[in-house]
Amino acid sequence: MAEILDSLDPQDAKRVLAAGTRLTLPQGWSPIGEGTPADKAYLILEGEVSVRRHGEEVARLGAGNVVGESAIVNHTLRSASVVSLTPLKVVHFTSEQLERLADDVPAFGEALRSAAAERIEG
């Protein structure tokens, strides 16, 4: 999967990065739990996560990937859990921030919808 910011011009990428809150999360942390409400998403800046459905790993994602966007875009509960395999540097977005960014930065909105569709199909 392509890095989500690759499809944006530099000014839009800066807007996306500035809209969220930068956080550091420890290894072994699970910021997203399967079956929970879609209240947040994360853009991974550094590190790697395991995406797990029913305890089975279905993907590994790293820098440039967004996690948690699919349930927000599709207005559903979480379809998977995310567990950090390494310490992470991320940008945290509330669902409201992510939805507003998708409207305000059309290329970002398109990249989110594309990533969410890929996850459903994959």
N, C-alpha and C. Protein backbone atom coordinates (compact mmCIF):
# COMPACT_ATOMS: atom_id res chain seq x y z
N MET A 1 0.85 -1.17 0.00
CA MET A 1 0.00 0.00 0.00
C MET A 1 0.89 1.24 0.00
N ALA A 2 0.55 2.19 -0.82
CA ALA A 2 1.33 3.42 -0.92
C ALA A 2 1.18 4.26 0.34
N GLU A 3 2.18 5.05 0.61
CA GLU A 3 2.09 5.97 1.73
C GLU A 3 1.02 7.01 1.41
N ILE A 4 0.16 7.28 2.36
CA ILE A 4 -1.01 8.12 2.13
C ILE A 4 -0.64 9.55 1.75
N LEU A 5 0.47 10.06 2.25
CA LEU A 5 0.85 11.43 1.95
C LEU A 5 1.47 11.58 0.56
N ASP A 6 1.85 10.45 -0.07
CA ASP A 6 2.45 10.49 -1.41
C ASP A 6 1.53 11.12 -2.45
N SER A 7 0.22 10.99 -2.25
CA SER A 7 -0.72 11.50 -3.24
C SER A 7 -1.03 12.98 -3.05
N LEU A 8 -0.42 13.60 -2.04
CA LEU A 8 -0.71 15.00 -1.73
C LEU A 8 0.43 15.92 -2.14
N ASP A 9 0.06 17.16 -2.49
CA ASP A 9 1.13 18.13 -2.72
C ASP A 9 1.68 18.53 -1.34
N PRO A 10 2.89 19.10 -1.29
CA PRO A 10 3.52 19.39 0.00
C PRO A 10 2.68 20.27 0.93
N GLN A 11 1.96 21.23 0.39
CA GLN A 11 1.14 22.10 1.23
C GLN A 11 0.00 21.32 1.88
N ASP A 12 -0.66 20.44 1.12
CA ASP A 12 -1.73 19.61 1.68
C ASP A 12 -1.19 18.64 2.71
N ALA A 13 -0.01 18.06 2.44
CA ALA A 13 0.60 17.14 3.41
C ALA A 13 0.87 17.87 4.74
N LYS A 14 1.35 19.11 4.66
CA LYS A 14 1.59 19.88 5.88
C LYS A 14 0.28 20.14 6.63
N ARG A 15 -0.80 20.42 5.89
CA ARG A 15 -2.11 20.64 6.53
C ARG A 15 -2.56 19.40 7.27
N VAL A 16 -2.38 18.24 6.65
CA VAL A 16 -2.78 16.98 7.28
C VAL A 16 -1.97 16.75 8.55
N LEU A 17 -0.66 16.90 8.47
CA LEU A 17 0.19 16.67 9.63
C LEU A 17 -0.11 17.66 10.75
N ALA A 18 -0.44 18.89 10.41
CA ALA A 18 -0.71 19.92 11.42
C ALA A 18 -2.08 19.75 12.08
N ALA A 19 -2.98 19.03 11.43
CA ALA A 19 -4.36 18.90 11.94
C ALA A 19 -4.47 17.94 13.12
N GLY A 20 -3.52 17.03 13.25
CA GLY A 20 -3.59 16.04 14.32
C GLY A 20 -2.62 16.34 15.45
N THR A 21 -2.54 15.43 16.38
CA THR A 21 -1.66 15.54 17.54
C THR A 21 -0.57 14.49 17.45
N ARG A 22 0.68 14.91 17.52
CA ARG A 22 1.79 13.95 17.47
C ARG A 22 1.92 13.24 18.82
N LEU A 23 2.04 11.92 18.75
CA LEU A 23 2.18 11.10 19.95
C LEU A 23 3.28 10.07 19.76
N THR A 24 3.82 9.58 20.86
CA THR A 24 4.71 8.42 20.86
C THR A 24 3.99 7.33 21.64
N LEU A 25 3.86 6.16 21.02
CA LEU A 25 3.19 5.03 21.66
C LEU A 25 4.20 3.91 21.88
N PRO A 26 4.09 3.21 23.01
CA PRO A 26 5.07 2.15 23.31
C PRO A 26 4.82 0.87 22.51
N GLN A 27 5.85 0.06 22.41
CA GLN A 27 5.74 -1.27 21.82
C GLN A 27 4.74 -2.08 22.64
N GLY A 28 3.90 -2.87 21.96
CA GLY A 28 2.94 -3.71 22.66
C GLY A 28 1.61 -3.02 22.94
N TRP A 29 1.49 -1.76 22.64
CA TRP A 29 0.27 -0.98 22.87
C TRP A 29 -0.76 -1.32 21.79
N SER A 30 -2.03 -1.33 22.16
CA SER A 30 -3.11 -1.56 21.20
C SER A 30 -4.01 -0.33 21.16
N PRO A 31 -3.71 0.62 20.27
CA PRO A 31 -4.49 1.86 20.23
C PRO A 31 -5.88 1.70 19.62
N ILE A 32 -6.11 0.60 18.90
CA ILE A 32 -7.40 0.34 18.26
C ILE A 32 -7.80 -1.09 18.54
N GLY A 33 -9.02 -1.26 19.05
CA GLY A 33 -9.52 -2.59 19.39
C GLY A 33 -10.66 -3.02 18.47
N GLU A 34 -10.60 -4.25 18.04
CA GLU A 34 -11.65 -4.82 17.18
C GLU A 34 -13.01 -4.70 17.87
N GLY A 35 -14.02 -4.29 17.10
CA GLY A 35 -15.39 -4.19 17.61
C GLY A 35 -15.69 -2.92 18.38
N THR A 36 -14.73 -1.99 18.46
CA THR A 36 -14.95 -0.74 19.19
C THR A 36 -15.41 0.36 18.23
N PRO A 37 -15.97 1.45 18.77
CA PRO A 37 -16.42 2.56 17.92
C PRO A 37 -15.27 3.23 17.17
N ALA A 38 -15.59 3.80 16.04
CA ALA A 38 -14.62 4.49 15.19
C ALA A 38 -14.44 5.92 15.65
N ASP A 39 -13.62 6.12 16.68
CA ASP A 39 -13.47 7.45 17.26
C ASP A 39 -12.13 8.11 16.98
N LYS A 40 -11.19 7.37 16.37
CA LYS A 40 -9.85 7.92 16.13
C LYS A 40 -9.15 7.14 15.03
N ALA A 41 -8.11 7.77 14.49
CA ALA A 41 -7.24 7.13 13.50
C ALA A 41 -5.83 7.66 13.73
N TYR A 42 -4.86 6.94 13.19
CA TYR A 42 -3.46 7.32 13.36
C TYR A 42 -2.73 7.24 12.03
N LEU A 43 -1.92 8.25 11.76
CA LEU A 43 -0.97 8.23 10.65
C LEU A 43 0.36 7.83 11.26
N ILE A 44 0.92 6.72 10.81
CA ILE A 44 2.18 6.23 11.36
C ILE A 44 3.33 7.00 10.72
N LEU A 45 4.14 7.63 11.55
CA LEU A 45 5.33 8.34 11.08
C LEU A 45 6.57 7.46 11.18
N GLU A 46 6.66 6.69 12.27
CA GLU A 46 7.78 5.76 12.48
C GLU A 46 7.27 4.55 13.22
N GLY A 47 7.79 3.37 12.86
CA GLY A 47 7.45 2.14 13.56
C GLY A 47 6.59 1.22 12.72
N GLU A 48 6.17 0.11 13.34
CA GLU A 48 5.40 -0.91 12.63
C GLU A 48 4.30 -1.44 13.54
N VAL A 49 3.15 -1.73 12.93
CA VAL A 49 2.02 -2.30 13.66
C VAL A 49 1.58 -3.60 13.02
N SER A 50 0.92 -4.42 13.83
CA SER A 50 0.26 -5.64 13.36
C SER A 50 -1.24 -5.38 13.38
N VAL A 51 -1.91 -5.67 12.28
CA VAL A 51 -3.36 -5.55 12.19
C VAL A 51 -3.91 -6.97 12.35
N ARG A 52 -4.81 -7.15 13.32
CA ARG A 52 -5.27 -8.50 13.67
C ARG A 52 -6.79 -8.58 13.69
N ARG A 53 -7.31 -9.61 13.03
CA ARG A 53 -8.75 -9.92 13.09
C ARG A 53 -8.90 -11.24 13.82
N HIS A 54 -9.72 -11.23 14.86
CA HIS A 54 -9.95 -12.43 15.66
C HIS A 54 -8.63 -13.03 16.14
N GLY A 55 -7.66 -12.15 16.45
CA GLY A 55 -6.37 -12.59 16.98
C GLY A 55 -5.35 -13.01 15.93
N GLU A 56 -5.76 -13.10 14.66
CA GLU A 56 -4.85 -13.52 13.58
C GLU A 56 -4.33 -12.30 12.83
N GLU A 57 -3.02 -12.24 12.63
CA GLU A 57 -2.45 -11.12 11.88
C GLU A 57 -2.91 -11.17 10.43
N VAL A 58 -3.44 -10.03 9.94
CA VAL A 58 -3.87 -9.93 8.54
C VAL A 58 -3.01 -8.94 7.75
N ALA A 59 -2.24 -8.11 8.46
CA ALA A 59 -1.37 -7.15 7.77
C ALA A 59 -0.35 -6.58 8.75
N ARG A 60 0.74 -6.10 8.18
CA ARG A 60 1.71 -5.29 8.92
C ARG A 60 1.82 -3.97 8.18
N LEU A 61 1.72 -2.89 8.94
CA LEU A 61 1.77 -1.56 8.34
C LEU A 61 2.84 -0.74 9.03
N GLY A 62 3.37 0.24 8.31
CA GLY A 62 4.43 1.08 8.87
C GLY A 62 4.30 2.52 8.44
N ALA A 63 5.44 3.20 8.44
CA ALA A 63 5.49 4.63 8.17
C ALA A 63 4.74 4.97 6.88
N GLY A 64 3.89 6.00 6.99
CA GLY A 64 3.13 6.45 5.84
C GLY A 64 1.74 5.87 5.75
N ASN A 65 1.46 4.83 6.53
CA ASN A 65 0.14 4.22 6.51
C ASN A 65 -0.75 4.84 7.58
N VAL A 66 -2.05 4.85 7.31
CA VAL A 66 -3.04 5.28 8.28
C VAL A 66 -3.75 4.04 8.79
N VAL A 67 -4.00 3.98 10.09
CA VAL A 67 -4.78 2.90 10.68
C VAL A 67 -5.99 3.51 11.38
N GLY A 68 -7.11 2.82 11.29
CA GLY A 68 -8.32 3.28 11.94
C GLY A 68 -9.25 4.06 11.04
N GLU A 69 -8.80 4.36 9.82
CA GLU A 69 -9.61 5.18 8.92
C GLU A 69 -10.79 4.44 8.33
N SER A 70 -10.65 3.14 8.15
CA SER A 70 -11.68 2.37 7.46
C SER A 70 -13.03 2.44 8.18
N ALA A 71 -13.02 2.25 9.48
CA ALA A 71 -14.28 2.30 10.24
C ALA A 71 -14.87 3.70 10.25
N ILE A 72 -14.02 4.73 10.24
CA ILE A 72 -14.52 6.11 10.20
C ILE A 72 -15.16 6.39 8.84
N VAL A 73 -14.45 6.05 7.78
CA VAL A 73 -14.95 6.30 6.42
C VAL A 73 -16.24 5.52 6.16
N ASN A 74 -16.29 4.28 6.66
CA ASN A 74 -17.45 3.41 6.39
C ASN A 74 -18.53 3.46 7.47
N HIS A 75 -18.31 4.27 8.52
CA HIS A 75 -19.28 4.41 9.61
C HIS A 75 -19.67 3.06 10.21
N THR A 76 -18.64 2.29 10.59
CA THR A 76 -18.84 0.97 11.17
C THR A 76 -18.00 0.83 12.44
N LEU A 77 -18.20 -0.26 13.15
CA LEU A 77 -17.30 -0.59 14.26
C LEU A 77 -15.98 -1.07 13.68
N ARG A 78 -14.95 -1.10 14.50
CA ARG A 78 -13.63 -1.57 14.06
C ARG A 78 -13.69 -3.02 13.62
N SER A 79 -13.07 -3.32 12.49
CA SER A 79 -13.05 -4.69 11.97
C SER A 79 -11.79 -5.43 12.40
N ALA A 80 -10.86 -4.73 13.05
CA ALA A 80 -9.60 -5.35 13.46
C ALA A 80 -8.99 -4.57 14.62
N SER A 81 -8.06 -5.22 15.29
CA SER A 81 -7.26 -4.58 16.32
C SER A 81 -5.91 -4.21 15.73
N VAL A 82 -5.28 -3.19 16.30
CA VAL A 82 -3.95 -2.77 15.87
C VAL A 82 -3.05 -2.83 17.10
N VAL A 83 -1.90 -3.50 16.95
CA VAL A 83 -0.95 -3.64 18.04
C VAL A 83 0.42 -3.17 17.55
N SER A 84 1.06 -2.32 18.33
CA SER A 84 2.38 -1.81 17.94
C SER A 84 3.44 -2.89 18.15
N LEU A 85 4.21 -3.15 17.09
CA LEU A 85 5.30 -4.13 17.16
C LEU A 85 6.60 -3.47 17.59
N THR A 86 6.65 -2.15 17.44
CA THR A 86 7.81 -1.35 17.83
C THR A 86 7.25 -0.08 18.49
N PRO A 87 8.11 0.70 19.14
CA PRO A 87 7.62 2.02 19.57
C PRO A 87 7.17 2.78 18.31
N LEU A 88 6.12 3.59 18.46
CA LEU A 88 5.55 4.30 17.32
C LEU A 88 5.61 5.81 17.52
N LYS A 89 5.84 6.51 16.44
CA LYS A 89 5.58 7.95 16.37
C LYS A 89 4.41 8.08 15.40
N VAL A 90 3.35 8.71 15.86
CA VAL A 90 2.12 8.80 15.07
C VAL A 90 1.54 10.21 15.14
N VAL A 91 0.62 10.46 14.22
CA VAL A 91 -0.24 11.63 14.31
C VAL A 91 -1.63 11.09 14.60
N HIS A 92 -2.20 11.51 15.73
CA HIS A 92 -3.53 11.06 16.17
C HIS A 92 -4.58 12.03 15.64
N PHE A 93 -5.65 11.47 15.07
CA PHE A 93 -6.78 12.26 14.59
C PHE A 93 -8.04 11.75 15.26
N THR A 94 -8.90 12.66 15.73
CA THR A 94 -10.23 12.24 16.15
C THR A 94 -11.02 11.96 14.87
N SER A 95 -12.14 11.26 15.00
CA SER A 95 -12.95 11.00 13.81
C SER A 95 -13.42 12.31 13.18
N GLU A 96 -13.74 13.30 14.02
CA GLU A 96 -14.18 14.60 13.50
C GLU A 96 -13.06 15.28 12.72
N GLN A 97 -11.84 15.25 13.25
CA GLN A 97 -10.70 15.86 12.54
C GLN A 97 -10.48 15.17 11.20
N LEU A 98 -10.55 13.84 11.19
CA LEU A 98 -10.31 13.10 9.96
C LEU A 98 -11.38 13.39 8.92
N GLU A 99 -12.64 13.42 9.34
CA GLU A 99 -13.72 13.71 8.39
C GLU A 99 -13.60 15.14 7.84
N ARG A 100 -13.24 16.10 8.70
CA ARG A 100 -13.08 17.48 8.26
C ARG A 100 -11.91 17.58 7.27
N LEU A 101 -10.80 16.91 7.57
CA LEU A 101 -9.65 16.91 6.64
C LEU A 101 -10.01 16.29 5.30
N ALA A 102 -10.79 15.22 5.33
CA ALA A 102 -11.19 14.56 4.08
C ALA A 102 -12.00 15.51 3.21
N ASP A 103 -12.79 16.39 3.84
CA ASP A 103 -13.56 17.39 3.09
C ASP A 103 -12.69 18.55 2.65
N ASP A 104 -11.81 19.02 3.54
CA ASP A 104 -11.00 20.22 3.27
C ASP A 104 -9.83 19.96 2.33
N VAL A 105 -9.33 18.74 2.32
CA VAL A 105 -8.19 18.37 1.46
C VAL A 105 -8.66 17.19 0.59
N PRO A 106 -9.29 17.50 -0.56
CA PRO A 106 -9.90 16.44 -1.38
C PRO A 106 -8.97 15.27 -1.73
N ALA A 107 -7.70 15.55 -1.99
CA ALA A 107 -6.77 14.46 -2.32
C ALA A 107 -6.57 13.53 -1.12
N PHE A 108 -6.58 14.09 0.09
CA PHE A 108 -6.47 13.28 1.29
C PHE A 108 -7.73 12.44 1.47
N GLY A 109 -8.89 13.04 1.26
CA GLY A 109 -10.15 12.30 1.34
C GLY A 109 -10.18 11.14 0.38
N GLU A 110 -9.71 11.36 -0.83
CA GLU A 110 -9.68 10.30 -1.84
C GLU A 110 -8.70 9.19 -1.42
N ALA A 111 -7.54 9.58 -0.88
CA ALA A 111 -6.56 8.59 -0.43
C ALA A 111 -7.12 7.76 0.73
N LEU A 112 -7.86 8.40 1.64
CA LEU A 112 -8.49 7.66 2.75
C LEU A 112 -9.52 6.68 2.25
N ARG A 113 -10.39 7.14 1.34
CA ARG A 113 -11.43 6.25 0.81
C ARG A 113 -10.82 5.07 0.05
N SER A 114 -9.74 5.35 -0.67
CA SER A 114 -9.05 4.29 -1.41
C SER A 114 -8.42 3.28 -0.46
N ALA A 115 -7.77 3.76 0.61
CA ALA A 115 -7.16 2.86 1.59
C ALA A 115 -8.24 2.03 2.29
N ALA A 116 -9.37 2.66 2.62
CA ALA A 116 -10.45 1.93 3.29
C ALA A 116 -11.03 0.87 2.38
N ALA A 117 -11.21 1.19 1.09
CA ALA A 117 -11.75 0.21 0.14
C ALA A 117 -10.77 -0.95 -0.05
N GLU A 118 -9.49 -0.65 -0.09
CA GLU A 118 -8.45 -1.69 -0.24
C GLU A 118 -8.50 -2.66 0.94
N ARG A 119 -8.72 -2.13 2.14
CA ARG A 119 -8.75 -2.97 3.34
C ARG A 119 -9.97 -3.87 3.34
N ILE A 120 -11.09 -3.38 2.86
CA ILE A 120 -12.31 -4.19 2.81
C ILE A 120 -12.14 -5.32 1.79
N GLU A 121 -11.56 -4.98 0.62
CA GLU A 121 -11.37 -5.98 -0.43
C GLU A 121 -10.28 -6.97 -0.06
N GLY A 122 -9.24 -6.46 0.65
CA GLY A 122 -8.08 -7.29 0.96
C GLY A 122 -8.36 -8.18 2.10
